[in-house]
């Protein structure tokens, strides 16, 4: 094996391993996302997000004017992006949010502002 082929072999091997690790991390985040998450506010409103293993979600809450709302649809995720497609959305364009786990029981979503949810 020539030196060039040897280097290419190790480069492709390293690339393959990093892709597998990245994919595995994303799957673990998806498993961590499944469950019910609550956001309460001292000022106004609350929200409960439920992410199901079949990649459906439900969002229920009360806004600052005490109006109740419910939204459902499907979700997808990558390493740090959460994509929500709403069931009754006429335009069919999904919304994308950045997310991060602060710990196993705290979820941070960038929804125009940083919103912290606690696992229930």
Protein backbone atom coordinates (compact mmCIF):
# COMPACT_ATOMS: atom_id res chain seq x y z
CA UNK A 1 0.00 0.00 0.00
CA UNK A 2 1.40 3.35 -0.98
CA UNK A 3 1.71 6.19 1.50
CA UNK A 4 -1.10 8.14 -0.24
CA UNK A 5 -3.49 5.19 -0.14
CA UNK A 6 -2.58 4.57 3.48
CA UNK A 7 -3.34 8.20 4.42
CA UNK A 8 -6.62 8.15 2.45
CA UNK A 9 -7.64 4.95 4.22
CA UNK A 10 -7.10 6.52 7.67
CA UNK A 11 -8.80 9.75 6.61
CA UNK A 12 -11.92 7.90 5.43
CA UNK A 13 -11.89 5.72 8.54
CA UNK A 14 -11.71 8.77 10.80
CA UNK A 15 -14.46 10.50 8.80
CA UNK A 16 -16.69 7.42 9.02
CA UNK A 17 -16.22 7.14 12.78
CA UNK A 18 -17.01 10.83 13.32
CA UNK A 19 -20.22 10.52 11.25
CA UNK A 20 -21.31 7.50 13.30
CA UNK A 21 -20.60 9.32 16.58
CA UNK A 22 -22.47 12.42 15.40
CA UNK A 23 -25.47 10.33 14.35
CA UNK A 24 -25.44 8.48 17.66
CA UNK A 25 -25.34 11.74 19.65
CA UNK A 26 -28.31 13.10 17.71
CA UNK A 27 -30.31 9.91 18.39
CA UNK A 28 -29.50 10.17 22.10
CA UNK A 29 -30.72 13.79 22.14
CA UNK A 30 -33.95 12.64 20.45
CA UNK A 31 -34.49 10.02 23.14
CA UNK A 32 -33.78 12.64 25.78
CA UNK A 33 -36.37 14.95 24.18
CA UNK A 34 -39.22 12.42 24.53
CA UNK A 35 -41.48 13.24 27.45
CA UNK A 36 -43.44 16.14 28.91
CA UNK A 37 -41.83 19.51 29.55
CA UNK A 38 -43.36 22.39 31.52
CA UNK A 39 -42.64 26.11 31.34
CA UNK A 40 -44.20 28.30 34.01
CA UNK A 41 -43.90 32.02 34.31
CA UNK A 42 -44.32 34.29 37.29
CA UNK A 43 -45.35 37.09 34.93
CA UNK A 44 -47.90 35.32 32.75
CA UNK A 45 -48.82 32.11 31.00
CA UNK A 46 -47.52 28.59 30.96
CA UNK A 47 -46.78 25.92 28.35
CA UNK A 48 -46.61 22.15 28.39
CA UNK A 49 -44.78 20.43 25.52
CA UNK A 50 -45.13 16.67 25.08
CA UNK A 51 -42.75 15.00 22.62
CA UNK A 52 -43.70 11.42 21.79
CA UNK A 53 -41.37 8.66 20.60
CA UNK A 54 -43.27 8.50 17.26
CA UNK A 55 -42.12 12.11 16.58
CA UNK A 56 -45.51 13.69 17.25
CA UNK A 57 -45.90 16.54 19.70
CA UNK A 58 -48.58 18.41 21.61
CA UNK A 59 -48.27 21.92 23.00
CA UNK A 60 -50.85 23.20 25.48
CA UNK A 61 -50.84 26.43 27.41
CA UNK A 62 -52.31 29.67 28.59
CA UNK A 63 -51.05 32.95 27.16
CA UNK A 64 -50.62 36.27 28.98
CA UNK A 65 -54.27 37.20 28.37
CA UNK A 66 -55.43 33.90 29.97
CA UNK A 67 -56.40 32.41 26.58
CA UNK A 68 -55.93 28.66 26.35
CA UNK A 69 -54.27 27.17 23.29
CA UNK A 70 -53.45 23.71 21.95
CA UNK A 71 -51.20 22.87 19.02
CA UNK A 72 -50.10 19.50 17.71
CA UNK A 73 -48.05 18.16 14.86
CA UNK A 74 -44.82 16.34 14.10
CA UNK A 75 -41.26 17.15 15.05
CA UNK A 76 -37.78 16.34 13.87
CA UNK A 77 -34.40 17.17 15.35
CA UNK A 78 -30.73 17.32 14.58
CA UNK A 79 -27.76 17.99 16.82
CA UNK A 80 -29.14 21.32 18.07
CA UNK A 81 -32.15 22.16 15.86
CA UNK A 82 -35.77 21.27 16.57
CA UNK A 83 -38.21 21.47 13.65
CA UNK A 84 -41.96 21.61 14.32
CA UNK A 85 -44.58 21.05 11.61
CA UNK A 86 -48.04 21.98 12.83
CA UNK A 87 -51.05 19.79 11.97
CA UNK A 88 -53.46 22.64 11.18
CA UNK A 89 -51.02 25.06 9.58
CA UNK A 90 -52.25 26.25 6.19
CA UNK A 91 -48.85 27.21 4.82
CA UNK A 92 -47.22 23.88 5.80
CA UNK A 93 -43.91 25.60 6.47
CA UNK A 94 -42.26 24.16 9.58
CA UNK A 95 -40.76 26.32 12.32
CA UNK A 96 -37.17 25.72 13.37
CA UNK A 97 -35.76 26.42 16.83
CA UNK A 98 -32.38 25.98 18.46
CA UNK A 99 -32.44 23.75 21.52
CA UNK A 100 -30.06 22.52 24.17
CA UNK A 101 -30.25 20.37 27.26
CA UNK A 102 -28.98 22.28 30.27
CA UNK A 103 -29.12 19.00 32.20
CA UNK A 104 -31.28 15.88 31.97
CA UNK A 105 -34.30 17.76 33.38
CA UNK A 106 -33.88 21.22 31.81
CA UNK A 107 -34.50 22.02 28.14
CA UNK A 108 -33.68 25.40 26.61
CA UNK A 109 -35.57 26.46 23.44
CA UNK A 110 -34.86 29.60 21.44
CA UNK A 111 -38.41 30.73 20.55
CA UNK A 112 -37.73 34.41 19.86
CA UNK A 113 -36.42 34.43 23.40
CA UNK A 114 -34.82 31.71 25.48
CA UNK A 115 -37.50 29.59 27.12
CA UNK A 116 -36.54 27.03 29.79
CA UNK A 117 -38.68 23.92 30.22
CA UNK A 118 -38.50 21.44 33.11
CA UNK A 119 -39.10 17.72 32.60
CA UNK A 120 -42.28 16.47 34.27
